[in-house]
């Protein structure tokens, strides 16, 4: 087989060779993308503008929304452009950038979810020490650590992936997905990337175990609370986070824990759509459906009389009244 290490482009999976179906796919992707972008931008804007949301929990939620916004922007726009111009190609550098950004956002996403579990543990198990432990500097360091860990993780993955000698430039996916790129290898260097994948599984497994242990402690503390209202209030702050973690793990497992080699192109696309689109699309809704503070802040975004919430604006409103 030819050595394609110096190839200038890759060919992605084609959704359909029928123009009407391509147009339909484009508008479906566009609708999903706009909903996801709008939801995550609303969450970010609400946290920034409403001083009631200037707490560690919502600070981490804002970081999660930014990561979700970046995650869905890595894959869908390129797919939509290819659908419009009836193309399958992506440049070599574009594929490298797509892999790096996709892994960066996914890795940082799970790191932020792990930090959010720690935040809920401190808030519920040691509430009297919460402000001391989760002060502004600590929160910024935790968020920055999650982003830096994502960058290092993405650098390791991208370097291992594109150190491979390729025997084909046809990727069996609608974006540059690491497992599909590794399958194009015709050298033993793919073992290096497989080793990185195993290492990644260990990292994600460690974070998952930490989250499980953390919630075991949280539930034990909640069960000891004498008041039913206190238990409900404590659990209500954990349910959205648990739902998002479960969604992230379910979709990721559904995509990657599959028998290699004999999976059809259609199943590859379905799995990729589930784990690349569902979390960024659903996370804003999960965090806003039962959260009164988020709902209130989002309502204020449509009522400019409530923003900005500064002392000068309040004085002006009193004078106008």
C-alpha atoms as a PDB file:
ATOM      1  CA  UNK A   1       0.000   0.000   0.000  1.00  0.00           C
ATOM      2  CA  UNK A   2       1.292   3.530  -0.728  1.00  0.00           C
ATOM      3  CA  UNK A   3       2.868   5.646   1.953  1.00  0.00           C
ATOM      4  CA  UNK A   4       0.684   8.731   2.415  1.00  0.00           C
ATOM      5  CA  UNK A   5       2.541  10.405   5.290  1.00  0.00           C
ATOM      6  CA  UNK A   6       3.000  13.542   3.170  1.00  0.00           C
ATOM      7  CA  UNK A   7      -0.640  13.747   2.067  1.00  0.00           C
ATOM      8  CA  UNK A   8      -2.021  17.279   1.966  1.00  0.00           C
ATOM      9  CA  UNK A   9      -5.617  16.325   2.772  1.00  0.00           C
ATOM     10  CA  UNK A  10      -7.936  13.668   4.151  1.00  0.00           C
ATOM     11  CA  UNK A  11     -11.301  12.572   2.780  1.00  0.00           C
ATOM     12  CA  UNK A  12     -14.125  12.436   5.321  1.00  0.00           C
ATOM     13  CA  UNK A  13     -17.180  10.223   5.229  1.00  0.00           C
ATOM     14  CA  UNK A  14     -19.904  11.393   2.872  1.00  0.00           C
ATOM     15  CA  UNK A  15     -23.419  11.578   4.328  1.00  0.00           C
ATOM     16  CA  UNK A  16     -25.198  11.099   1.009  1.00  0.00           C
ATOM     17  CA  UNK A  17     -24.674  11.489  -2.722  1.00  0.00           C
ATOM     18  CA  UNK A  18     -28.231  12.803  -3.116  1.00  0.00           C
ATOM     19  CA  UNK A  19     -28.385  16.603  -3.106  1.00  0.00           C
ATOM     20  CA  UNK A  20     -31.784  16.812  -1.399  1.00  0.00           C
ATOM     21  CA  UNK A  21     -30.588  14.641   1.487  1.00  0.00           C
ATOM     22  CA  UNK A  22     -27.420  16.703   1.836  1.00  0.00           C
ATOM     23  CA  UNK A  23     -29.512  19.877   2.089  1.00  0.00           C
ATOM     24  CA  UNK A  24     -31.769  18.207   4.663  1.00  0.00           C
ATOM     25  CA  UNK A  25     -28.730  17.141   6.710  1.00  0.00           C
ATOM     26  CA  UNK A  26     -27.351  20.672   6.484  1.00  0.00           C
ATOM     27  CA  UNK A  27     -30.502  22.274   7.907  1.00  0.00           C
ATOM     28  CA  UNK A  28     -30.777  19.661  10.666  1.00  0.00           C
ATOM     29  CA  UNK A  29     -27.141  20.293  11.652  1.00  0.00           C
ATOM     30  CA  UNK A  30     -27.677  24.048  11.445  1.00  0.00           C
ATOM     31  CA  UNK A  31     -30.720  23.889  13.736  1.00  0.00           C
ATOM     32  CA  UNK A  32     -28.885  21.705  16.268  1.00  0.00           C
ATOM     33  CA  UNK A  33     -25.808  23.937  16.160  1.00  0.00           C
ATOM     34  CA  UNK A  34     -27.794  27.152  16.656  1.00  0.00           C
ATOM     35  CA  UNK A  35     -29.705  25.668  19.603  1.00  0.00           C
ATOM     36  CA  UNK A  36     -26.487  24.427  21.245  1.00  0.00           C
ATOM     37  CA  UNK A  37     -24.643  27.710  20.676  1.00  0.00           C
ATOM     38  CA  UNK A  38     -27.584  29.794  21.921  1.00  0.00           C
ATOM     39  CA  UNK A  39     -28.038  27.676  25.043  1.00  0.00           C
ATOM     40  CA  UNK A  40     -24.375  27.747  26.044  1.00  0.00           C
ATOM     41  CA  UNK A  41     -24.017  31.456  25.249  1.00  0.00           C
ATOM     42  CA  UNK A  42     -27.076  32.234  27.386  1.00  0.00           C
ATOM     43  CA  UNK A  43     -25.640  30.292  30.324  1.00  0.00           C
ATOM     44  CA  UNK A  44     -22.275  32.069  29.964  1.00  0.00           C
ATOM     45  CA  UNK A  45     -23.856  35.518  29.626  1.00  0.00           C
ATOM     46  CA  UNK A  46     -26.182  34.961  32.573  1.00  0.00           C
ATOM     47  CA  UNK A  47     -23.310  33.951  34.858  1.00  0.00           C
ATOM     48  CA  UNK A  48     -21.205  36.931  33.769  1.00  0.00           C
ATOM     49  CA  UNK A  49     -23.947  39.547  34.140  1.00  0.00           C
ATOM     50  CA  UNK A  50     -25.863  38.381  37.218  1.00  0.00           C
ATOM     51  CA  UNK A  51     -23.898  38.966  40.408  1.00  0.00           C
ATOM     52  CA  UNK A  52     -26.106  36.425  42.218  1.00  0.00           C
ATOM     53  CA  UNK A  53     -24.405  33.758  40.091  1.00  0.00           C
ATOM     54  CA  UNK A  54     -20.879  34.845  41.006  1.00  0.00           C
ATOM     55  CA  UNK A  55     -20.286  31.688  43.043  1.00  0.00           C
ATOM     56  CA  UNK A  56     -17.884  28.759  42.511  1.00  0.00           C
ATOM     57  CA  UNK A  57     -20.620  26.419  41.241  1.00  0.00           C
ATOM     58  CA  UNK A  58     -21.735  28.817  38.504  1.00  0.00           C
ATOM     59  CA  UNK A  59     -18.167  29.824  37.697  1.00  0.00           C
ATOM     60  CA  UNK A  60     -17.413  26.194  36.864  1.00  0.00           C
ATOM     61  CA  UNK A  61     -20.723  25.928  35.008  1.00  0.00           C
ATOM     62  CA  UNK A  62     -19.671  28.885  32.855  1.00  0.00           C
ATOM     63  CA  UNK A  63     -16.401  27.087  32.036  1.00  0.00           C
ATOM     64  CA  UNK A  64     -18.390  23.979  31.136  1.00  0.00           C
ATOM     65  CA  UNK A  65     -20.621  26.016  28.808  1.00  0.00           C
ATOM     66  CA  UNK A  66     -17.576  27.548  27.087  1.00  0.00           C
ATOM     67  CA  UNK A  67     -16.054  24.089  26.606  1.00  0.00           C
ATOM     68  CA  UNK A  68     -19.325  22.731  25.219  1.00  0.00           C
ATOM     69  CA  UNK A  69     -19.534  25.683  22.846  1.00  0.00           C
ATOM     70  CA  UNK A  70     -16.026  24.959  21.599  1.00  0.00           C
ATOM     71  CA  UNK A  71     -16.640  21.218  21.394  1.00  0.00           C
ATOM     72  CA  UNK A  72     -19.625  21.425  19.063  1.00  0.00           C
ATOM     73  CA  UNK A  73     -17.959  24.187  17.012  1.00  0.00           C
ATOM     74  CA  UNK A  74     -15.048  21.876  16.181  1.00  0.00           C
ATOM     75  CA  UNK A  75     -17.119  19.299  14.298  1.00  0.00           C
ATOM     76  CA  UNK A  76     -20.434  20.631  12.975  1.00  0.00           C
ATOM     77  CA  UNK A  77     -19.386  23.791  11.037  1.00  0.00           C
ATOM     78  CA  UNK A  78     -16.901  21.873   8.861  1.00  0.00           C
ATOM     79  CA  UNK A  79     -19.488  19.140   8.248  1.00  0.00           C
ATOM     80  CA  UNK A  80     -22.062  21.770   7.242  1.00  0.00           C
ATOM     81  CA  UNK A  81     -19.632  23.462   4.836  1.00  0.00           C
ATOM     82  CA  UNK A  82     -18.833  20.118   3.200  1.00  0.00           C
ATOM     83  CA  UNK A  83     -22.548  19.396   2.839  1.00  0.00           C
ATOM     84  CA  UNK A  84     -23.148  22.743   1.150  1.00  0.00           C
ATOM     85  CA  UNK A  85     -20.291  22.522  -1.340  1.00  0.00           C
ATOM     86  CA  UNK A  86     -20.606  18.736  -1.814  1.00  0.00           C
ATOM     87  CA  UNK A  87     -17.059  18.059  -0.628  1.00  0.00           C
ATOM     88  CA  UNK A  88     -15.400  15.432   1.551  1.00  0.00           C
ATOM     89  CA  UNK A  89     -11.973  16.991   1.945  1.00  0.00           C
ATOM     90  CA  UNK A  90     -10.253  18.454   4.976  1.00  0.00           C
ATOM     91  CA  UNK A  91      -6.664  19.685   4.846  1.00  0.00           C
ATOM     92  CA  UNK A  92      -3.935  17.879   6.789  1.00  0.00           C
ATOM     93  CA  UNK A  93      -3.417  20.890   9.057  1.00  0.00           C
ATOM     94  CA  UNK A  94      -7.187  21.256   9.445  1.00  0.00           C
ATOM     95  CA  UNK A  95      -7.438  17.622  10.533  1.00  0.00           C
ATOM     96  CA  UNK A  96      -4.619  18.109  13.034  1.00  0.00           C
ATOM     97  CA  UNK A  97      -6.361  21.200  14.437  1.00  0.00           C
ATOM     98  CA  UNK A  98      -9.694  19.367  14.625  1.00  0.00           C
ATOM     99  CA  UNK A  99      -8.182  16.447  16.544  1.00  0.00           C
ATOM    100  CA  UNK A 100      -6.325  18.784  18.920  1.00  0.00           C
ATOM    101  CA  UNK A 101      -9.363  20.960  19.671  1.00  0.00           C
ATOM    102  CA  UNK A 102     -11.773  18.042  19.978  1.00  0.00           C
ATOM    103  CA  UNK A 103      -9.536  16.225  22.476  1.00  0.00           C
ATOM    104  CA  UNK A 104      -8.783  19.489  24.306  1.00  0.00           C
ATOM    105  CA  UNK A 105     -12.447  20.318  24.877  1.00  0.00           C
ATOM    106  CA  UNK A 106     -13.413  16.743  25.768  1.00  0.00           C
ATOM    107  CA  UNK A 107     -10.544  16.335  28.238  1.00  0.00           C
ATOM    108  CA  UNK A 108     -11.058  19.738  29.855  1.00  0.00           C
ATOM    109  CA  UNK A 109     -14.806  19.075  29.979  1.00  0.00           C
ATOM    110  CA  UNK A 110     -14.384  15.984  32.119  1.00  0.00           C
ATOM    111  CA  UNK A 111     -11.757  17.711  34.265  1.00  0.00           C
ATOM    112  CA  UNK A 112     -14.226  20.536  34.978  1.00  0.00           C
ATOM    113  CA  UNK A 113     -16.928  17.981  35.835  1.00  0.00           C
ATOM    114  CA  UNK A 114     -14.502  16.397  38.304  1.00  0.00           C
ATOM    115  CA  UNK A 115     -13.792  19.789  39.865  1.00  0.00           C
ATOM    116  CA  UNK A 116     -17.536  20.444  40.098  1.00  0.00           C
ATOM    117  CA  UNK A 117     -17.935  17.192  42.051  1.00  0.00           C
ATOM    118  CA  UNK A 118     -15.295  18.459  44.488  1.00  0.00           C
ATOM    119  CA  UNK A 119     -17.179  21.757  44.785  1.00  0.00           C
ATOM    120  CA  UNK A 120     -20.444  19.962  45.665  1.00  0.00           C
ATOM    121  CA  UNK A 121     -18.584  17.784  48.196  1.00  0.00           C
ATOM    122  CA  UNK A 122     -17.149  20.788  50.014  1.00  0.00           C
ATOM    123  CA  UNK A 123     -20.480  22.673  49.902  1.00  0.00           C
ATOM    124  CA  UNK A 124     -22.484  19.795  51.379  1.00  0.00           C
ATOM    125  CA  UNK A 125     -20.019  17.936  53.601  1.00  0.00           C
ATOM    126  CA  UNK A 126     -18.105  20.908  55.053  1.00  0.00           C
ATOM    127  CA  UNK A 127     -20.373  23.945  54.515  1.00  0.00           C
ATOM    128  CA  UNK A 128     -18.745  26.010  57.271  1.00  0.00           C
ATOM    129  CA  UNK A 129     -15.380  25.796  55.499  1.00  0.00           C
ATOM    130  CA  UNK A 130     -16.783  26.334  51.996  1.00  0.00           C
ATOM    131  CA  UNK A 131     -15.774  29.973  51.582  1.00  0.00           C
ATOM    132  CA  UNK A 132     -12.334  29.240  53.007  1.00  0.00           C
ATOM    133  CA  UNK A 133     -11.659  26.287  50.702  1.00  0.00           C
ATOM    134  CA  UNK A 134     -13.483  27.440  47.561  1.00  0.00           C
ATOM    135  CA  UNK A 135     -12.272  31.023  47.511  1.00  0.00           C
ATOM    136  CA  UNK A 136     -11.803  32.959  44.277  1.00  0.00           C
ATOM    137  CA  UNK A 137      -8.113  32.151  43.863  1.00  0.00           C
ATOM    138  CA  UNK A 138      -8.673  28.437  44.424  1.00  0.00           C
ATOM    139  CA  UNK A 139     -11.517  28.346  41.882  1.00  0.00           C
ATOM    140  CA  UNK A 140      -9.428  30.112  39.236  1.00  0.00           C
ATOM    141  CA  UNK A 141      -6.531  27.713  39.841  1.00  0.00           C
ATOM    142  CA  UNK A 142      -8.833  24.682  39.565  1.00  0.00           C
ATOM    143  CA  UNK A 143     -10.384  25.913  36.323  1.00  0.00           C
ATOM    144  CA  UNK A 144      -6.974  26.838  34.897  1.00  0.00           C
ATOM    145  CA  UNK A 145      -5.630  23.399  35.861  1.00  0.00           C
ATOM    146  CA  UNK A 146      -8.503  21.756  33.993  1.00  0.00           C
ATOM    147  CA  UNK A 147      -7.745  23.783  30.859  1.00  0.00           C
ATOM    148  CA  UNK A 148      -3.984  23.147  31.096  1.00  0.00           C
ATOM    149  CA  UNK A 149      -4.599  19.423  31.623  1.00  0.00           C
ATOM    150  CA  UNK A 150      -6.795  19.456  28.506  1.00  0.00           C
ATOM    151  CA  UNK A 151      -4.074  21.189  26.487  1.00  0.00           C
ATOM    152  CA  UNK A 152      -1.389  18.717  27.600  1.00  0.00           C
ATOM    153  CA  UNK A 153      -3.721  15.782  26.989  1.00  0.00           C
ATOM    154  CA  UNK A 154      -4.607  17.082  23.512  1.00  0.00           C
ATOM    155  CA  UNK A 155      -0.936  17.655  22.657  1.00  0.00           C
ATOM    156  CA  UNK A 156      -0.070  14.084  23.668  1.00  0.00           C
ATOM    157  CA  UNK A 157      -2.974  12.612  21.695  1.00  0.00           C
ATOM    158  CA  UNK A 158      -2.397  14.727  18.582  1.00  0.00           C
ATOM    159  CA  UNK A 159       1.333  14.056  18.540  1.00  0.00           C
ATOM    160  CA  UNK A 160       0.803  10.313  18.917  1.00  0.00           C
ATOM    161  CA  UNK A 161      -1.885  10.246  16.233  1.00  0.00           C
ATOM    162  CA  UNK A 162      -0.025  12.130  13.510  1.00  0.00           C
ATOM    163  CA  UNK A 163       3.335  10.468  14.125  1.00  0.00           C
ATOM    164  CA  UNK A 164       1.809   7.503  12.307  1.00  0.00           C
ATOM    165  CA  UNK A 165       2.619   6.530   8.719  1.00  0.00           C
ATOM    166  CA  UNK A 166      -0.666   6.508   6.817  1.00  0.00           C
ATOM    167  CA  UNK A 167      -1.572   4.057   4.053  1.00  0.00           C
ATOM    168  CA  UNK A 168      -4.834   5.783   3.217  1.00  0.00           C
ATOM    169  CA  UNK A 169      -6.347   9.242   3.527  1.00  0.00           C
ATOM    170  CA  UNK A 170      -9.998   8.117   3.697  1.00  0.00           C
ATOM    171  CA  UNK A 171     -11.406   8.602   7.201  1.00  0.00           C
ATOM    172  CA  UNK A 172     -14.498   6.547   7.997  1.00  0.00           C
ATOM    173  CA  UNK A 173     -16.106   9.416   9.938  1.00  0.00           C
ATOM    174  CA  UNK A 174     -17.583  12.866   9.247  1.00  0.00           C
ATOM    175  CA  UNK A 175     -14.789  14.536  11.244  1.00  0.00           C
ATOM    176  CA  UNK A 176     -11.210  13.681  12.187  1.00  0.00           C
ATOM    177  CA  UNK A 177     -11.772  11.149  14.959  1.00  0.00           C
ATOM    178  CA  UNK A 178      -8.695   9.609  16.591  1.00  0.00           C
ATOM    179  CA  UNK A 179      -9.722   5.906  16.456  1.00  0.00           C
ATOM    180  CA  UNK A 180     -10.645   6.205  12.773  1.00  0.00           C
ATOM    181  CA  UNK A 181      -7.332   7.916  11.952  1.00  0.00           C
ATOM    182  CA  UNK A 182      -5.368   5.223  13.803  1.00  0.00           C
ATOM    183  CA  UNK A 183      -7.029   2.605  11.601  1.00  0.00           C
ATOM    184  CA  UNK A 184      -5.278   4.205   8.590  1.00  0.00           C
ATOM    185  CA  UNK A 185      -1.863   3.279   9.986  1.00  0.00           C
ATOM    186  CA  UNK A 186       0.509   0.992   8.088  1.00  0.00           C
ATOM    187  CA  UNK A 187       3.304   1.098  10.685  1.00  0.00           C
ATOM    188  CA  UNK A 188       3.872  -0.194  14.190  1.00  0.00           C
ATOM    189  CA  UNK A 189       3.672   3.364  15.510  1.00  0.00           C
ATOM    190  CA  UNK A 190      -0.075   2.889  15.895  1.00  0.00           C
ATOM    191  CA  UNK A 191       0.818   0.908  19.023  1.00  0.00           C
ATOM    192  CA  UNK A 192       2.037   4.185  20.515  1.00  0.00           C
ATOM    193  CA  UNK A 193      -1.351   5.829  20.006  1.00  0.00           C
ATOM    194  CA  UNK A 194      -3.129   2.732  21.296  1.00  0.00           C
ATOM    195  CA  UNK A 195      -0.964   3.009  24.383  1.00  0.00           C
ATOM    196  CA  UNK A 196      -2.027   6.650  24.715  1.00  0.00           C
ATOM    197  CA  UNK A 197      -5.660   5.560  24.412  1.00  0.00           C
ATOM    198  CA  UNK A 198      -5.146   3.078  27.253  1.00  0.00           C
ATOM    199  CA  UNK A 199      -3.454   5.810  29.291  1.00  0.00           C
ATOM    200  CA  UNK A 200      -6.441   8.054  28.569  1.00  0.00           C
ATOM    201  CA  UNK A 201      -8.786   5.345  29.785  1.00  0.00           C
ATOM    202  CA  UNK A 202      -6.808   5.221  33.015  1.00  0.00           C
ATOM    203  CA  UNK A 203      -7.070   8.995  33.485  1.00  0.00           C
ATOM    204  CA  UNK A 204     -10.796   9.087  32.792  1.00  0.00           C
ATOM    205  CA  UNK A 205     -11.266   6.024  34.985  1.00  0.00           C
ATOM    206  CA  UNK A 206      -9.424   7.744  37.837  1.00  0.00           C
ATOM    207  CA  UNK A 207     -11.627  10.830  37.533  1.00  0.00           C
ATOM    208  CA  UNK A 208     -14.714   8.632  37.418  1.00  0.00           C
ATOM    209  CA  UNK A 209     -13.675   6.777  40.585  1.00  0.00           C
ATOM    210  CA  UNK A 210     -13.039  10.123  42.313  1.00  0.00           C
ATOM    211  CA  UNK A 211     -16.525  11.340  41.335  1.00  0.00           C
ATOM    212  CA  UNK A 212     -18.113   8.093  42.584  1.00  0.00           C
ATOM    213  CA  UNK A 213     -16.293   8.246  45.926  1.00  0.00           C
ATOM    214  CA  UNK A 214     -17.143  11.938  46.270  1.00  0.00           C
ATOM    215  CA  UNK A 215     -20.852  11.301  45.758  1.00  0.00           C
ATOM    216  CA  UNK A 216     -20.814   8.380  48.166  1.00  0.00           C
ATOM    217  CA  UNK A 217     -19.598  10.839  50.821  1.00  0.00           C
ATOM    218  CA  UNK A 218     -22.177  13.415  49.719  1.00  0.00           C
ATOM    219  CA  UNK A 219     -25.069  10.944  49.934  1.00  0.00           C
ATOM    220  CA  UNK A 220     -23.864   9.742  53.343  1.00  0.00           C
ATOM    221  CA  UNK A 221     -23.859  13.343  54.590  1.00  0.00           C
ATOM    222  CA  UNK A 222     -27.282  14.070  53.068  1.00  0.00           C
ATOM    223  CA  UNK A 223     -28.820  11.008  54.749  1.00  0.00           C
ATOM    224  CA  UNK A 224     -27.643  12.297  58.126  1.00  0.00           C
ATOM    225  CA  UNK A 225     -29.398  15.648  57.671  1.00  0.00           C
ATOM    226  CA  UNK A 226     -32.362  15.917  60.060  1.00  0.00           C
ATOM    227  CA  UNK A 227     -34.518  18.108  57.812  1.00  0.00           C
ATOM    228  CA  UNK A 228     -36.260  16.784  54.697  1.00  0.00           C
ATOM    229  CA  UNK A 229     -36.049  20.232  53.111  1.00  0.00           C
ATOM    230  CA  UNK A 230     -32.305  20.360  53.723  1.00  0.00           C
ATOM    231  CA  UNK A 231     -31.871  16.969  52.057  1.00  0.00           C
ATOM    232  CA  UNK A 232     -33.950  18.023  49.052  1.00  0.00           C
ATOM    233  CA  UNK A 233     -32.065  21.303  48.704  1.00  0.00           C
ATOM    234  CA  UNK A 234     -28.676  19.561  48.879  1.00  0.00           C
ATOM    235  CA  UNK A 235     -29.658  16.922  46.340  1.00  0.00           C
ATOM    236  CA  UNK A 236     -31.183  19.492  43.990  1.00  0.00           C
ATOM    237  CA  UNK A 237     -27.740  21.058  43.482  1.00  0.00           C
ATOM    238  CA  UNK A 238     -26.233  17.644  42.697  1.00  0.00           C
ATOM    239  CA  UNK A 239     -28.812  16.201  40.290  1.00  0.00           C
ATOM    240  CA  UNK A 240     -27.874  18.402  37.280  1.00  0.00           C
ATOM    241  CA  UNK A 241     -24.185  17.621  37.750  1.00  0.00           C
ATOM    242  CA  UNK A 242     -24.843  13.899  38.093  1.00  0.00           C
ATOM    243  CA  UNK A 243     -27.023  13.982  34.979  1.00  0.00           C
ATOM    244  CA  UNK A 244     -24.345  15.753  32.925  1.00  0.00           C
ATOM    245  CA  UNK A 245     -21.622  13.354  34.136  1.00  0.00           C
ATOM    246  CA  UNK A 246     -23.832  10.369  33.280  1.00  0.00           C
ATOM    247  CA  UNK A 247     -24.576  11.797  29.831  1.00  0.00           C
ATOM    248  CA  UNK A 248     -20.879  12.423  29.178  1.00  0.00           C
ATOM    249  CA  UNK A 249     -19.854   8.921  30.278  1.00  0.00           C
ATOM    250  CA  UNK A 250     -22.744   7.167  28.524  1.00  0.00           C
ATOM    251  CA  UNK A 251     -22.154   8.859  25.184  1.00  0.00           C
ATOM    252  CA  UNK A 252     -18.374   8.436  25.388  1.00  0.00           C
ATOM    253  CA  UNK A 253     -18.695   4.753  26.296  1.00  0.00           C
ATOM    254  CA  UNK A 254     -21.262   4.227  23.538  1.00  0.00           C
ATOM    255  CA  UNK A 255     -18.811   5.717  21.037  1.00  0.00           C
ATOM    256  CA  UNK A 256     -15.536   4.090  22.071  1.00  0.00           C
ATOM    257  CA  UNK A 257     -16.366   0.787  23.765  1.00  0.00           C
ATOM    258  CA  UNK A 258     -17.228  -1.060  20.573  1.00  0.00           C
ATOM    259  CA  UNK A 259     -15.812  -4.088  18.775  1.00  0.00           C
ATOM    260  CA  UNK A 260     -13.083  -2.740  16.458  1.00  0.00           C
ATOM    261  CA  UNK A 261     -12.969  -3.309  12.735  1.00  0.00           C
ATOM    262  CA  UNK A 262     -16.457  -4.664  12.016  1.00  0.00           C
ATOM    263  CA  UNK A 263     -18.488  -1.531  12.728  1.00  0.00           C
ATOM    264  CA  UNK A 264     -20.406  -0.095   9.775  1.00  0.00           C
ATOM    265  CA  UNK A 265     -19.989   3.486   8.593  1.00  0.00           C
ATOM    266  CA  UNK A 266     -23.585   4.259   9.582  1.00  0.00           C
ATOM    267  CA  UNK A 267     -22.985   3.039  13.140  1.00  0.00           C
ATOM    268  CA  UNK A 268     -19.754   5.075  13.329  1.00  0.00           C
ATOM    269  CA  UNK A 269     -21.643   8.214  12.357  1.00  0.00           C
ATOM    270  CA  UNK A 270     -24.513   7.530  14.778  1.00  0.00           C
ATOM    271  CA  UNK A 271     -22.109   6.956  17.664  1.00  0.00           C
ATOM    272  CA  UNK A 272     -20.134  10.103  16.808  1.00  0.00           C
ATOM    273  CA  UNK A 273     -23.303  12.188  16.580  1.00  0.00           C
ATOM    274  CA  UNK A 274     -24.390  10.922  20.000  1.00  0.00           C
ATOM    275  CA  UNK A 275     -21.201  11.763  21.886  1.00  0.00           C
ATOM    276  CA  UNK A 276     -20.129  14.849  19.896  1.00  0.00           C
ATOM    277  CA  UNK A 277     -23.507  16.619  19.760  1.00  0.00           C
ATOM    278  CA  UNK A 278     -25.794  15.456  22.586  1.00  0.00           C
ATOM    279  CA  UNK A 279     -23.749  16.714  25.599  1.00  0.00           C
ATOM    280  CA  UNK A 280     -23.167  20.279  24.269  1.00  0.00           C
ATOM    281  CA  UNK A 281     -26.794  20.404  23.141  1.00  0.00           C
ATOM    282  CA  UNK A 282     -28.432  19.098  26.329  1.00  0.00           C
ATOM    283  CA  UNK A 283     -26.160  20.428  29.090  1.00  0.00           C
ATOM    284  CA  UNK A 284     -27.650  23.977  29.108  1.00  0.00           C
ATOM    285  CA  UNK A 285     -31.158  22.533  29.398  1.00  0.00           C
ATOM    286  CA  UNK A 286     -30.148  20.106  32.145  1.00  0.00           C
ATOM    287  CA  UNK A 287     -28.689  22.913  34.258  1.00  0.00           C
ATOM    288  CA  UNK A 288     -31.542  25.353  33.675  1.00  0.00           C
ATOM    289  CA  UNK A 289     -34.696  23.211  33.850  1.00  0.00           C
ATOM    290  CA  UNK A 290     -34.853  22.890  37.657  1.00  0.00           C
ATOM    291  CA  UNK A 291     -32.473  25.689  38.655  1.00  0.00           C
ATOM    292  CA  UNK A 292     -34.441  28.745  39.801  1.00  0.00           C
ATOM    293  CA  UNK A 293     -31.364  30.995  39.910  1.00  0.00           C
ATOM    294  CA  UNK A 294     -30.436  30.181  36.310  1.00  0.00           C
ATOM    295  CA  UNK A 295     -34.053  30.632  35.213  1.00  0.00           C
ATOM    296  CA  UNK A 296     -34.230  34.015  36.934  1.00  0.00           C
ATOM    297  CA  UNK A 297     -30.957  35.150  35.383  1.00  0.00           C
ATOM    298  CA  UNK A 298     -32.056  34.010  31.920  1.00  0.00           C
ATOM    299  CA  UNK A 299     -35.354  35.877  32.292  1.00  0.00           C
ATOM    300  CA  UNK A 300     -33.405  39.005  33.206  1.00  0.00           C
ATOM    301  CA  UNK A 301     -31.514  38.720  29.918  1.00  0.00           C
ATOM    302  CA  UNK A 302     -34.789  39.436  28.131  1.00  0.00           C
ATOM    303  CA  UNK A 303     -35.626  42.301  30.500  1.00  0.00           C
ATOM    304  CA  UNK A 304     -32.984  44.995  30.136  1.00  0.00           C
ATOM    305  CA  UNK A 305     -34.454  46.787  33.125  1.00  0.00           C
ATOM    306  CA  UNK A 306     -32.706  44.313  35.371  1.00  0.00           C
ATOM    307  CA  UNK A 307     -29.205  44.648  33.859  1.00  0.00           C
ATOM    308  CA  UNK A 308     -26.700  45.856  34.712  1.00  0.00           C
ATOM    309  CA  UNK A 309     -27.186  45.337  38.433  1.00  0.00           C
ATOM    310  CA  UNK A 310     -24.886  48.053  39.671  1.00  0.00           C
ATOM    311  CA  UNK A 311     -25.501  50.634  42.361  1.00  0.00           C
ATOM    312  CA  UNK A 312     -25.402  53.489  39.824  1.00  0.00           C
ATOM    313  CA  UNK A 313     -28.110  51.862  37.688  1.00  0.00           C
ATOM    314  CA  UNK A 314     -30.295  51.316  40.746  1.00  0.00           C
ATOM    315  CA  UNK A 315     -29.935  55.019  41.725  1.00  0.00           C
ATOM    316  CA  UNK A 316     -30.851  56.005  38.151  1.00  0.00           C
ATOM    317  CA  UNK A 317     -33.936  53.754  38.226  1.00  0.00           C
ATOM    318  CA  UNK A 318     -35.033  55.328  41.520  1.00  0.00           C
ATOM    319  CA  UNK A 319     -34.676  58.828  40.060  1.00  0.00           C
ATOM    320  CA  UNK A 320     -36.556  57.828  36.927  1.00  0.00           C
ATOM    321  CA  UNK A 321     -39.290  56.345  39.091  1.00  0.00           C
END
